[in-house]
Structure formats: C-alpha cells, structure tokens
Amino acid sequence: MTDLARPSAPKLSAVLIVHNEAHCLEQCLRSISPVVDEIIVIDSGSTDGTIAIARSFGAHVEVSDWPGFGPQKNHALSRARGEWVLAIDADEHLTPQLADSIREALSSRKPTANGFFIQFLATWCGKPVCFGDWAGKRHLRLFRRGFARFSDDPVHERIIGQPPCATLNGLMIHDTVATEAEAAEKCQRYADLSAPALAAKGRGGLPSSLSHSAWTLMRGFLLKGGFLDGVVGWKVALVCAKGTFLRYRIAGKMRTSSRGSCSSVKEMGFMAVSGLSASSLWVERLSVQGGALLLDCGSADLSVSLCYA
C-alpha cells in the first residue's frame, strides 16, 4: 500500500464487509492496495480463505455478527482512521484510470468536495452490461470521514453524504454475478431481505408481484435498451424481474401470515382474560374511540376493559 500520510495527500482508508469472498477478494484488494493507506475488513463468519487473503494484503480484520448491510458497513466505517474513506465491496475493483483519478482528487491539500461519485460498470458472468437496469449507475463511494455515513437499511443501503460532491473519472467494475447459479441465489436472498420493508408498508401480494415484475422486465429490456446487450441483456432483465416478483410475493405472504397471527392472538386474549372462558364473559358495552375498538366485559366475578387497535 502506498503511504498517503505525507503532507501532499490525505490519508485514505478502504472499508469492506465480507463473507466467503475468497473467489473475488484478491482482485479487489490488489486494485486498491496501490492507492489506500489502510484496509478495514469486517468479516461475518467466513469459512473459506477470505480472512487469510485479507490479511495477506495487510488488512485490519475483525470478525463480527451480521446485523444487516447498512449497520455492518457503519461498523466498518467506525474502525477507519483515515481522513478519507473509500467504500468498496469484495466483488468490485478499480480500473487504473479510476485509481489515478482518486490519487489526483486527494493530492490537493484542501479538496473542495466532501465526497466523490464513482461510475460503475456491472458484469454478468464476466461480460459487461452496457444497457438495462444494471447500466449507467454511479454511487458516492469516496468521502471525507465524518461527512458521510451508511443508511441503516438491512439491504440496498446507501451512503448519505454532505455536499459538495464531485464525480471521478474512470470506472469501478462490479462483477455482480460470476455464474447463473449465483444470480439465482442472490435473487432469492435479496428478495428475502427486502420483502419485510415492503410488507411493513402494506404492499405485496400476487397481483402486485405480477404487475411489478412485468413492468421491471419491460423497463429493463425494452425501455432501457437491455436488448442491445443481446442474450446478456435478456438474462439480466429476467433476473431483475424475478427478484421483483419474489420480493412482492414474499411480502404478500408475510402480510397474510401477520394478519392471521394477529387475529389468533386477539381471539386468544379475549377468550382467556384472567383464565376465564368465553362462556363466562359477556360484553357490557361496545364503542369505537380514536380508531380503537373498546369492549367493556364482565363476568360473575369481575369486570374488565379491553382495547383492540
């Protein structure tokens, strides 16, 4: 790693979260080592050679439980000591042009920006994706420490930074999926992780899963020109549509399950107040107040008031 602690360049830390990334981590670390002064790696229990690879590049490695993407990345950020932070994932790597652009941006004693956006090029099984939903992305990934943090979202987290921000030259290559099997696994995993947020908003179900997935397919393959990538564009559009379908379908099932559980809990609570059976209770008064159902119940032995929102 290059020493950026000299007065002409602020110190730069790279932060990563990893889990079983031995297949791609070396390429990532090899691309950032000439640029950064410190590498922080937070591992969530890898069972392959991930930790050994990270340490071979001089990374500071810490093993931690998995709290979700956003919280884990904030944990990694809290361990960084550099004035500047480069956020990168294990399946990403810098192009030489981007590495040069980072050096140039931080060579000034007082860069005017607090953060820098980086343009991305995604790949499908090693082939570039130039059109469709995966193309044309840019993300805030280089920022002054203390001026940005990760959102606490358990999945699809983002960096929240303070302006002003600029955009660097060069590309970050994102090897999104190495195999079609990995694409299917990621599709299911991310759907499982993101469905609860949809369900919490009252969204999901079979009709919405069909309509949203159809729109996703049309948007990515036709409107955003995914067809120009040929077979790769079709496969990317399909996996995006499948992910949308699964996300809304799982959210709908969660909502149905939640409603059933709530009904059962309320019925059980009403039927067994202080050990009383339903036959020994009667409703003395029923009223609605502030959106809540109020029941005044009595028995031969006691009177109780119940409120169900």
Protein backbone atom coordinates (compact mmCIF):
# COMPACT_ATOMS: atom_id res chain seq x y z
CA MET A 1 0.00 0.00 0.00
CA THR A 2 1.23 3.49 -0.86
CA ASP A 3 1.91 5.82 2.05
CA LEU A 4 -0.60 8.65 1.73
CA ALA A 5 0.21 10.11 5.13
CA ARG A 6 2.67 12.60 3.62
CA PRO A 7 1.51 16.25 3.67
CA SER A 8 0.66 16.29 -0.06
CA ALA A 9 -2.02 13.61 0.23
CA PRO A 10 -4.64 12.93 2.92
CA LYS A 11 -4.64 9.51 4.42
CA LEU A 12 -7.13 7.13 2.76
CA SER A 13 -8.86 4.13 4.35
CA ALA A 14 -10.74 1.45 2.43
CA VAL A 15 -13.64 -0.27 4.21
CA LEU A 16 -15.16 -3.63 3.21
CA ILE A 17 -17.63 -6.10 4.68
CA VAL A 18 -17.14 -9.72 3.63
CA HIS A 19 -18.49 -13.24 3.94
CA ASN A 20 -16.96 -16.12 1.96
CA GLU A 21 -15.46 -13.85 -0.70
CA ALA A 22 -12.29 -15.84 -1.45
CA HIS A 23 -13.28 -16.14 -5.12
CA CYS A 24 -13.14 -12.38 -5.73
CA LEU A 25 -11.47 -10.61 -2.80
CA GLU A 26 -7.90 -10.81 -4.11
CA GLN A 27 -8.72 -8.88 -7.28
CA CYS A 28 -10.46 -6.21 -5.22
CA LEU A 29 -7.62 -5.75 -2.75
CA ARG A 30 -4.97 -5.85 -5.45
CA SER A 31 -6.69 -2.94 -7.21
CA ILE A 32 -6.91 -0.72 -4.13
CA SER A 33 -3.59 -1.53 -2.44
CA PRO A 34 -1.53 0.96 -4.51
CA VAL A 35 -3.99 3.73 -3.61
CA VAL A 36 -5.02 3.35 0.02
CA ASP A 37 -3.09 3.56 3.25
CA GLU A 38 -5.36 1.36 5.37
CA ILE A 39 -7.77 -1.51 4.66
CA ILE A 40 -10.54 -2.31 7.15
CA VAL A 41 -12.31 -5.65 6.67
CA ILE A 42 -15.30 -6.74 8.77
CA ASP A 43 -16.00 -10.45 8.31
CA SER A 44 -19.28 -12.09 9.32
CA GLY A 45 -18.03 -15.64 9.74
CA SER A 46 -16.35 -16.73 6.52
CA THR A 47 -15.48 -20.40 6.23
CA ASP A 48 -13.27 -20.16 3.13
CA GLY A 49 -9.95 -18.35 2.71
CA THR A 50 -11.39 -14.84 2.91
CA ILE A 51 -9.67 -13.81 6.14
CA ALA A 52 -6.30 -15.19 5.08
CA ILE A 53 -6.48 -13.30 1.78
CA ALA A 54 -7.41 -10.07 3.53
CA ARG A 55 -4.53 -10.36 5.99
CA SER A 56 -2.09 -11.11 3.17
CA PHE A 57 -2.77 -7.57 1.93
CA GLY A 58 -2.15 -6.09 5.37
CA ALA A 59 -5.83 -5.54 6.15
CA HIS A 60 -7.11 -4.99 9.66
CA VAL A 61 -9.64 -7.82 10.02
CA GLU A 62 -12.40 -8.06 12.59
CA VAL A 63 -14.99 -10.83 12.86
CA SER A 64 -18.47 -9.66 13.77
CA ASP A 65 -22.06 -10.91 13.88
CA TRP A 66 -24.29 -9.99 10.96
CA PRO A 67 -26.68 -7.07 11.73
CA GLY A 68 -27.55 -6.25 8.10
CA PHE A 69 -25.70 -4.45 5.31
CA GLY A 70 -26.13 -0.87 6.49
CA PRO A 71 -25.23 -1.43 10.16
CA GLN A 72 -22.29 -3.67 9.22
CA LYS A 73 -20.84 -1.05 6.88
CA ASN A 74 -21.24 1.63 9.53
CA HIS A 75 -19.35 -0.69 11.87
CA ALA A 76 -16.52 -0.90 9.33
CA LEU A 77 -16.60 2.88 8.91
CA SER A 78 -16.23 3.34 12.66
CA ARG A 79 -12.93 1.42 12.52
CA ALA A 80 -11.41 3.61 9.76
CA ARG A 81 -8.75 6.13 10.80
CA GLY A 82 -8.16 7.90 7.51
CA GLU A 83 -9.22 11.43 6.69
CA TRP A 84 -10.82 9.99 3.58
CA VAL A 85 -12.74 6.72 3.14
CA LEU A 86 -13.17 4.54 0.07
CA ALA A 87 -16.19 2.22 0.40
CA ILE A 88 -15.88 -0.84 -1.80
CA ASP A 89 -17.39 -4.33 -1.97
CA ALA A 90 -15.41 -7.53 -2.39
CA ASP A 91 -16.84 -8.13 -5.88
CA GLU A 92 -15.71 -4.71 -7.10
CA HIS A 93 -12.35 -3.42 -8.29
CA LEU A 94 -10.83 -0.20 -9.53
CA THR A 95 -9.72 0.38 -13.09
CA PRO A 96 -6.27 2.01 -13.44
CA GLN A 97 -7.93 5.22 -14.64
CA LEU A 98 -10.10 5.37 -11.52
CA ALA A 99 -7.09 4.72 -9.28
CA ASP A 100 -5.27 7.63 -10.92
CA SER A 101 -8.35 9.82 -10.54
CA ILE A 102 -8.53 9.07 -6.81
CA ARG A 103 -4.87 9.98 -6.36
CA GLU A 104 -5.38 13.21 -8.26
CA ALA A 105 -8.53 14.14 -6.32
CA LEU A 106 -6.83 13.69 -2.97
CA SER A 107 -3.48 15.23 -3.93
CA SER A 108 -4.72 18.73 -3.15
CA ARG A 109 -4.12 19.91 0.39
CA LYS A 110 -7.75 21.03 0.66
CA PRO A 111 -10.06 19.28 -1.83
CA THR A 112 -13.18 21.39 -2.34
CA ALA A 113 -15.53 18.37 -2.33
CA ASN A 114 -16.59 16.34 0.68
CA GLY A 115 -17.28 13.32 -1.46
CA PHE A 116 -16.89 11.84 -4.93
CA PHE A 117 -19.27 9.80 -7.04
CA ILE A 118 -17.84 6.85 -8.95
CA GLN A 119 -19.25 5.48 -12.21
CA PHE A 120 -19.91 1.72 -12.31
CA LEU A 121 -19.74 -0.96 -14.96
CA ALA A 122 -21.58 -4.15 -13.99
CA THR A 123 -20.77 -7.57 -15.43
CA TRP A 124 -22.84 -10.73 -15.90
CA CYS A 125 -20.67 -13.85 -15.72
CA GLY A 126 -17.68 -11.77 -16.82
CA LYS A 127 -19.45 -9.97 -19.66
CA PRO A 128 -20.06 -6.20 -19.46
CA VAL A 129 -23.61 -4.94 -19.06
CA CYS A 130 -23.88 -1.69 -21.01
CA PHE A 131 -27.67 -1.27 -21.10
CA GLY A 132 -30.71 -2.07 -18.99
CA ASP A 133 -31.31 -1.78 -15.24
CA TRP A 134 -27.71 -2.51 -14.27
CA ALA A 135 -26.16 0.09 -16.55
CA GLY A 136 -25.33 3.75 -16.08
CA LYS A 137 -25.03 3.62 -12.30
CA ARG A 138 -22.92 5.95 -10.20
CA HIS A 139 -22.58 5.90 -6.44
CA LEU A 140 -21.00 8.03 -3.75
CA ARG A 141 -18.09 5.86 -2.63
CA LEU A 142 -15.19 8.19 -1.75
CA PHE A 143 -15.86 10.68 1.03
CA ARG A 144 -14.29 12.68 3.80
CA ARG A 145 -14.61 10.77 7.08
CA GLY A 146 -17.14 12.41 9.35
CA PHE A 147 -19.09 13.88 6.43
CA ALA A 148 -20.95 10.71 5.39
CA ARG A 149 -22.40 7.51 6.76
CA PHE A 150 -24.31 4.49 5.52
CA SER A 151 -28.07 4.24 5.87
CA ASP A 152 -29.20 1.61 8.36
CA ASP A 153 -31.13 -0.36 5.74
CA PRO A 154 -30.61 -4.13 6.13
CA VAL A 155 -30.27 -4.39 2.32
CA HIS A 156 -29.74 -1.92 -0.53
CA GLU A 157 -28.04 0.50 1.84
CA ARG A 158 -26.78 3.82 0.53
CA ILE A 159 -24.23 6.42 1.57
CA ILE A 160 -25.68 9.64 2.94
CA GLY A 161 -23.14 12.42 2.47
CA GLN A 162 -22.87 16.16 2.91
CA PRO A 163 -22.33 18.27 -0.23
CA PRO A 164 -20.49 19.46 -2.18
CA CYS A 165 -19.69 16.32 -4.17
CA ALA A 166 -17.92 15.76 -7.48
CA THR A 167 -17.55 12.83 -9.91
CA LEU A 168 -14.31 10.96 -10.57
CA ASN A 169 -13.04 9.79 -13.94
CA GLY A 170 -12.68 6.05 -14.52
CA LEU A 171 -14.86 3.10 -13.66
CA MET A 172 -15.48 0.78 -10.76
CA ILE A 173 -16.03 -2.71 -12.15
CA HIS A 174 -18.77 -4.61 -10.34
CA ASP A 175 -18.62 -8.34 -11.01
CA THR A 176 -22.25 -8.66 -9.99
CA VAL A 177 -22.59 -12.40 -10.58
CA ALA A 178 -19.92 -14.90 -11.62
CA THR A 179 -22.34 -17.71 -12.50
CA GLU A 180 -26.04 -18.09 -13.24
CA ALA A 181 -26.36 -20.19 -10.08
CA GLU A 182 -25.01 -17.25 -8.08
CA ALA A 183 -27.52 -14.97 -9.81
CA ALA A 184 -30.40 -17.22 -8.71
CA GLU A 185 -29.07 -17.41 -5.14
CA LYS A 186 -28.61 -13.65 -4.88
CA CYS A 187 -32.05 -13.07 -6.35
CA GLN A 188 -33.69 -15.17 -3.64
CA ARG A 189 -31.51 -13.83 -0.82
CA TYR A 190 -32.11 -10.17 -1.61
CA ALA A 191 -35.84 -10.80 -2.03
CA ASP A 192 -35.95 -12.40 1.43
CA LEU A 193 -34.09 -9.44 2.91
CA SER A 194 -36.08 -6.66 1.25
CA ALA A 195 -39.59 -8.16 1.50
CA PRO A 196 -40.15 -7.20 5.18
CA ALA A 197 -39.83 -3.49 4.34
CA LEU A 198 -42.47 -3.87 1.63
CA ALA A 199 -44.78 -5.79 3.95
CA ALA A 200 -44.37 -3.10 6.62
CA LYS A 201 -45.69 -0.56 4.11
CA GLY A 202 -48.74 -2.71 3.42
CA ARG A 203 -47.50 -3.73 -0.01
CA GLY A 204 -47.14 -7.11 -1.67
CA GLY A 205 -49.35 -9.92 -2.94
CA LEU A 206 -49.81 -11.93 -6.12
CA PRO A 207 -51.40 -9.17 -8.28
CA SER A 208 -48.72 -6.63 -7.40
CA SER A 209 -45.93 -9.19 -7.82
CA LEU A 210 -47.17 -9.95 -11.34
CA SER A 211 -47.65 -6.32 -12.36
CA HIS A 212 -44.40 -5.03 -10.89
CA SER A 213 -42.31 -7.87 -12.32
CA ALA A 214 -43.85 -7.37 -15.77
CA TRP A 215 -43.02 -3.67 -15.60
CA THR A 216 -39.46 -4.44 -14.44
CA LEU A 217 -38.93 -6.76 -17.40
CA MET A 218 -40.29 -4.25 -19.92
CA ARG A 219 -38.37 -1.35 -18.40
CA GLY A 220 -35.02 -3.12 -18.32
CA PHE A 221 -35.15 -4.98 -21.62
CA LEU A 222 -37.06 -2.52 -23.80
CA LEU A 223 -37.17 1.00 -22.35
CA LYS A 224 -33.59 0.99 -21.06
CA GLY A 225 -32.25 -0.85 -24.10
CA GLY A 226 -31.28 -4.12 -22.45
CA PHE A 227 -31.96 -5.85 -25.78
CA LEU A 228 -28.84 -4.12 -27.14
CA ASP A 229 -26.76 -6.38 -24.88
CA GLY A 230 -28.27 -9.43 -26.58
CA VAL A 231 -28.51 -12.62 -24.52
CA VAL A 232 -26.78 -10.97 -21.57
CA GLY A 233 -29.33 -8.16 -21.59
CA TRP A 234 -32.20 -10.65 -21.64
CA LYS A 235 -30.77 -12.64 -18.72
CA VAL A 236 -30.22 -9.51 -16.65
CA ALA A 237 -33.77 -8.32 -17.37
CA LEU A 238 -35.14 -11.72 -16.39
CA VAL A 239 -33.27 -11.92 -13.11
CA CYS A 240 -34.37 -8.37 -12.21
CA ALA A 241 -37.98 -9.29 -12.98
CA LYS A 242 -37.70 -12.49 -10.96
CA GLY A 243 -36.29 -10.57 -8.00
CA THR A 244 -39.18 -8.12 -8.14
CA PHE A 245 -41.72 -10.95 -8.34
CA LEU A 246 -40.20 -12.76 -5.35
CA ARG A 247 -39.94 -9.60 -3.28
CA TYR A 248 -43.62 -8.70 -3.68
CA ARG A 249 -44.79 -12.30 -3.41
CA ILE A 250 -42.91 -12.88 -0.15
CA ALA A 251 -44.14 -9.55 1.22
CA GLY A 252 -47.72 -10.57 0.44
CA LYS A 253 -47.32 -13.89 2.23
CA MET A 254 -45.82 -12.10 5.23
CA ARG A 255 -48.80 -9.74 5.40
CA THR A 256 -51.26 -12.64 5.17
CA SER A 257 -49.38 -14.54 7.88
CA SER A 258 -49.23 -11.43 10.07
CA ARG A 259 -52.97 -10.81 9.80
CA GLY A 260 -53.68 -14.42 10.70
CA SER A 261 -51.37 -14.28 13.70
CA CYS A 262 -52.87 -11.02 14.95
CA SER A 263 -56.41 -12.40 14.67
CA SER A 264 -55.43 -15.55 16.55
CA VAL A 265 -53.65 -13.61 19.29
CA LYS A 266 -56.57 -11.22 19.76
CA GLU A 267 -59.08 -14.06 19.86
CA MET A 268 -57.00 -15.96 22.39
CA GLY A 269 -56.55 -12.85 24.50
CA PHE A 270 -60.28 -12.17 24.53
CA MET A 271 -61.25 -15.77 25.21
CA ALA A 272 -58.90 -16.18 28.17
CA VAL A 273 -58.83 -12.95 30.16
CA SER A 274 -57.55 -13.84 33.61
CA GLY A 275 -58.20 -17.51 32.90
CA LEU A 276 -61.89 -17.01 32.09
CA SER A 277 -63.60 -18.91 29.28
CA ALA A 278 -65.68 -17.20 26.62
CA SER A 279 -68.86 -18.68 28.09
CA SER A 280 -68.30 -16.86 31.39
CA LEU A 281 -67.82 -13.43 29.76
CA TRP A 282 -70.32 -11.01 28.29
CA VAL A 283 -69.88 -7.67 26.56
CA GLU A 284 -71.44 -4.87 28.59
CA ARG A 285 -70.55 -2.02 26.19
CA LEU A 286 -69.02 -1.75 22.70
CA SER A 287 -67.63 1.53 21.38
CA VAL A 288 -65.10 2.93 18.88
CA GLN A 289 -62.73 5.62 20.04
CA GLY A 290 -59.80 7.08 18.10
CA GLY A 291 -59.73 4.16 15.67
CA ALA A 292 -59.67 1.60 18.51
CA LEU A 293 -62.36 -0.93 19.44
CA LEU A 294 -63.26 -0.70 23.11
CA LEU A 295 -65.06 -3.54 24.85
CA ASP A 296 -66.25 -3.47 28.45
CA CYS A 297 -66.61 -7.10 29.52
CA GLY A 298 -67.96 -8.58 32.70
CA SER A 299 -68.45 -11.88 34.44
CA ALA A 300 -69.85 -13.14 37.65
CA ASP A 301 -66.55 -12.49 39.36
CA LEU A 302 -65.01 -9.36 37.76
CA SER A 303 -65.25 -6.65 35.14
CA VAL A 304 -62.52 -5.82 32.64
CA SER A 305 -61.99 -3.33 29.84
CA LEU A 306 -60.25 -4.40 26.63
CA CYS A 307 -58.95 -2.23 23.80
CA TYR A 308 -58.03 -3.52 20.37
CA ALA A 309 -56.45 -1.06 17.91
